Amino acid sequence: MRIKSIIPLCGLAGLILLAGCSSHSNDGVVAGSNAPVPDNATVKLIQDAINADPALKGASITVKVENNRLTLMGTVQSTAQSEQAMMDASKVQTNNNLPIGAYNMLTIQGR
């Protein structure tokens, strides 16, 4: 009986270890001198995705490169919209084999 209870724990531990291993070294935020500077084509792709997302209606988001890093600036109506904008940027980066990450400089209205 003891062996049966250990097996699921080993499987869970393996999944946790795998979750920590990412194929992208810049998940979350582009930082450091080794991160490539996003180009205008990347900025346009991300801006177009954000502009087309109905979940971001009412938000005013500008995608730009500032200090050699991709940055989302502007205002959103909620934390959910801020997170959605970051997800849109990440999705475009993933789909185009680009480094993942952006600085979130979005302001939530009313805060």
C-alpha atoms as a PDB file:
ATOM      1  CA  MET A   1       0.000   0.000   0.000  1.00  0.00           C
ATOM      2  CA  ARG A   2       2.817   2.415   0.736  1.00  0.00           C
ATOM      3  CA  ILE A   3       4.224   2.127  -2.779  1.00  0.00           C
ATOM      4  CA  LYS A   4       0.890   3.089  -4.335  1.00  0.00           C
ATOM      5  CA  SER A   5       0.760   6.318  -2.326  1.00  0.00           C
ATOM      6  CA  ILE A   6       4.340   7.266  -3.264  1.00  0.00           C
ATOM      7  CA  ILE A   7       3.857   6.878  -7.036  1.00  0.00           C
ATOM      8  CA  PRO A   8       1.400   9.797  -7.429  1.00  0.00           C
ATOM      9  CA  LEU A   9       3.695  12.000  -5.349  1.00  0.00           C
ATOM     10  CA  CYS A  10       6.665  11.159  -7.591  1.00  0.00           C
ATOM     11  CA  GLY A  11       4.594  12.000 -10.657  1.00  0.00           C
ATOM     12  CA  LEU A  12       3.534  15.305  -9.132  1.00  0.00           C
ATOM     13  CA  ALA A  13       7.134  16.150  -8.227  1.00  0.00           C
ATOM     14  CA  GLY A  14       8.172  15.423 -11.822  1.00  0.00           C
ATOM     15  CA  LEU A  15       5.502  17.755 -13.180  1.00  0.00           C
ATOM     16  CA  ILE A  16       6.600  20.518 -10.844  1.00  0.00           C
ATOM     17  CA  LEU A  17      10.194  20.133 -11.993  1.00  0.00           C
ATOM     18  CA  LEU A  18       9.143  20.190 -15.640  1.00  0.00           C
ATOM     19  CA  ALA A  19       7.040  23.296 -15.086  1.00  0.00           C
ATOM     20  CA  GLY A  20      10.151  25.101 -13.900  1.00  0.00           C
ATOM     21  CA  CYS A  21      11.990  24.258 -17.121  1.00  0.00           C
ATOM     22  CA  SER A  22      11.053  26.693 -19.845  1.00  0.00           C
ATOM     23  CA  SER A  23      12.203  26.921 -23.424  1.00  0.00           C
ATOM     24  CA  HIS A  24      12.204  30.720 -23.077  1.00  0.00           C
ATOM     25  CA  SER A  25      14.771  32.381 -20.871  1.00  0.00           C
ATOM     26  CA  ASN A  26      12.873  35.684 -20.715  1.00  0.00           C
ATOM     27  CA  ASP A  27       9.410  34.614 -19.562  1.00  0.00           C
ATOM     28  CA  GLY A  28       7.426  37.435 -18.028  1.00  0.00           C
ATOM     29  CA  VAL A  29       9.699  40.416 -18.489  1.00  0.00           C
ATOM     30  CA  VAL A  30      12.331  41.193 -21.076  1.00  0.00           C
ATOM     31  CA  ALA A  31      15.375  42.279 -19.121  1.00  0.00           C
ATOM     32  CA  GLY A  32      19.139  42.228 -19.218  1.00  0.00           C
ATOM     33  CA  SER A  33      21.630  43.022 -21.924  1.00  0.00           C
ATOM     34  CA  ASN A  34      21.222  39.651 -23.659  1.00  0.00           C
ATOM     35  CA  ALA A  35      17.565  40.236 -24.601  1.00  0.00           C
ATOM     36  CA  PRO A  36      17.254  41.270 -28.255  1.00  0.00           C
ATOM     37  CA  VAL A  37      15.715  44.663 -28.910  1.00  0.00           C
ATOM     38  CA  PRO A  38      12.196  44.247 -30.347  1.00  0.00           C
ATOM     39  CA  ASP A  39      11.861  45.656 -33.863  1.00  0.00           C
ATOM     40  CA  ASN A  40       9.085  47.738 -35.440  1.00  0.00           C
ATOM     41  CA  ALA A  41       7.478  44.656 -37.015  1.00  0.00           C
ATOM     42  CA  THR A  42       7.124  43.034 -33.577  1.00  0.00           C
ATOM     43  CA  VAL A  43       5.656  46.225 -32.124  1.00  0.00           C
ATOM     44  CA  LYS A  44       3.120  46.416 -34.971  1.00  0.00           C
ATOM     45  CA  LEU A  45       2.087  42.762 -34.632  1.00  0.00           C
ATOM     46  CA  ILE A  46       1.469  43.163 -30.911  1.00  0.00           C
ATOM     47  CA  GLN A  47      -0.293  46.519 -31.306  1.00  0.00           C
ATOM     48  CA  ASP A  48      -2.586  45.025 -33.971  1.00  0.00           C
ATOM     49  CA  ALA A  49      -3.425  42.046 -31.726  1.00  0.00           C
ATOM     50  CA  ILE A  50      -4.242  44.315 -28.792  1.00  0.00           C
ATOM     51  CA  ASN A  51      -6.350  46.642 -30.955  1.00  0.00           C
ATOM     52  CA  ALA A  52      -8.322  43.669 -32.337  1.00  0.00           C
ATOM     53  CA  ASP A  53      -9.060  42.078 -28.949  1.00  0.00           C
ATOM     54  CA  PRO A  54     -12.695  42.744 -27.935  1.00  0.00           C
ATOM     55  CA  ALA A  55     -11.788  42.063 -24.297  1.00  0.00           C
ATOM     56  CA  LEU A  56      -9.709  45.253 -24.373  1.00  0.00           C
ATOM     57  CA  LYS A  57     -12.581  47.520 -25.468  1.00  0.00           C
ATOM     58  CA  GLY A  58     -12.294  50.867 -23.709  1.00  0.00           C
ATOM     59  CA  ALA A  59      -8.583  50.440 -23.021  1.00  0.00           C
ATOM     60  CA  SER A  60      -6.002  52.809 -24.467  1.00  0.00           C
ATOM     61  CA  ILE A  61      -2.800  50.792 -24.954  1.00  0.00           C
ATOM     62  CA  THR A  62       0.318  51.741 -26.867  1.00  0.00           C
ATOM     63  CA  VAL A  63       3.048  49.224 -27.608  1.00  0.00           C
ATOM     64  CA  LYS A  64       6.512  50.709 -27.927  1.00  0.00           C
ATOM     65  CA  VAL A  65      10.169  50.013 -27.423  1.00  0.00           C
ATOM     66  CA  GLU A  66      11.520  52.066 -24.557  1.00  0.00           C
ATOM     67  CA  ASN A  67      15.072  51.653 -23.234  1.00  0.00           C
ATOM     68  CA  ASN A  68      15.534  48.709 -25.626  1.00  0.00           C
ATOM     69  CA  ARG A  69      12.623  46.737 -24.195  1.00  0.00           C
ATOM     70  CA  LEU A  70       9.072  46.053 -25.265  1.00  0.00           C
ATOM     71  CA  THR A  71       6.671  48.102 -23.145  1.00  0.00           C
ATOM     72  CA  LEU A  72       2.881  48.287 -22.896  1.00  0.00           C
ATOM     73  CA  MET A  73       1.780  51.785 -21.868  1.00  0.00           C
ATOM     74  CA  GLY A  74      -1.575  53.471 -21.401  1.00  0.00           C
ATOM     75  CA  THR A  75      -4.729  52.878 -19.410  1.00  0.00           C
ATOM     76  CA  VAL A  76      -7.039  49.921 -18.920  1.00  0.00           C
ATOM     77  CA  GLN A  77     -10.311  49.559 -17.056  1.00  0.00           C
ATOM     78  CA  SER A  78      -9.332  46.591 -14.893  1.00  0.00           C
ATOM     79  CA  THR A  79      -6.622  44.200 -13.804  1.00  0.00           C
ATOM     80  CA  ALA A  80      -8.211  41.640 -16.126  1.00  0.00           C
ATOM     81  CA  GLN A  81      -7.630  43.941 -19.109  1.00  0.00           C
ATOM     82  CA  SER A  82      -4.031  44.511 -18.062  1.00  0.00           C
ATOM     83  CA  GLU A  83      -3.459  40.771 -17.871  1.00  0.00           C
ATOM     84  CA  GLN A  84      -5.232  40.233 -21.207  1.00  0.00           C
ATOM     85  CA  ALA A  85      -2.972  42.766 -22.929  1.00  0.00           C
ATOM     86  CA  MET A  86       0.089  40.960 -21.587  1.00  0.00           C
ATOM     87  CA  MET A  87      -1.356  37.629 -22.768  1.00  0.00           C
ATOM     88  CA  ASP A  88      -1.965  39.079 -26.240  1.00  0.00           C
ATOM     89  CA  ALA A  89       1.649  40.254 -26.409  1.00  0.00           C
ATOM     90  CA  SER A  90       2.929  36.887 -25.229  1.00  0.00           C
ATOM     91  CA  LYS A  91       0.755  35.033 -27.745  1.00  0.00           C
ATOM     92  CA  VAL A  92       2.118  37.088 -30.655  1.00  0.00           C
ATOM     93  CA  GLN A  93       5.671  36.536 -29.431  1.00  0.00           C
ATOM     94  CA  THR A  94       5.141  32.781 -29.077  1.00  0.00           C
ATOM     95  CA  ASN A  95       3.453  32.438 -32.478  1.00  0.00           C
ATOM     96  CA  ASN A  96       6.356  34.268 -34.144  1.00  0.00           C
ATOM     97  CA  ASN A  97       9.184  32.537 -32.239  1.00  0.00           C
ATOM     98  CA  LEU A  98      10.172  35.781 -30.546  1.00  0.00           C
ATOM     99  CA  PRO A  99      11.563  36.247 -27.040  1.00  0.00           C
ATOM    100  CA  ILE A 100       8.708  36.284 -24.543  1.00  0.00           C
ATOM    101  CA  GLY A 101       8.037  39.229 -22.303  1.00  0.00           C
ATOM    102  CA  ALA A 102       7.088  42.856 -21.999  1.00  0.00           C
ATOM    103  CA  TYR A 103       7.143  45.518 -19.344  1.00  0.00           C
ATOM    104  CA  ASN A 104       3.642  46.258 -18.132  1.00  0.00           C
ATOM    105  CA  MET A 105       3.383  49.992 -17.560  1.00  0.00           C
ATOM    106  CA  LEU A 106      -0.412  50.030 -17.865  1.00  0.00           C
ATOM    107  CA  THR A 107      -2.430  52.134 -15.442  1.00  0.00           C
ATOM    108  CA  ILE A 108      -5.771  50.893 -14.204  1.00  0.00           C
ATOM    109  CA  GLN A 109      -8.356  53.689 -14.344  1.00  0.00           C
ATOM    110  CA  GLY A 110      -9.604  54.828 -10.971  1.00  0.00           C
ATOM    111  CA  ARG A 111      -6.507  53.763  -9.048  1.00  0.00           C
END
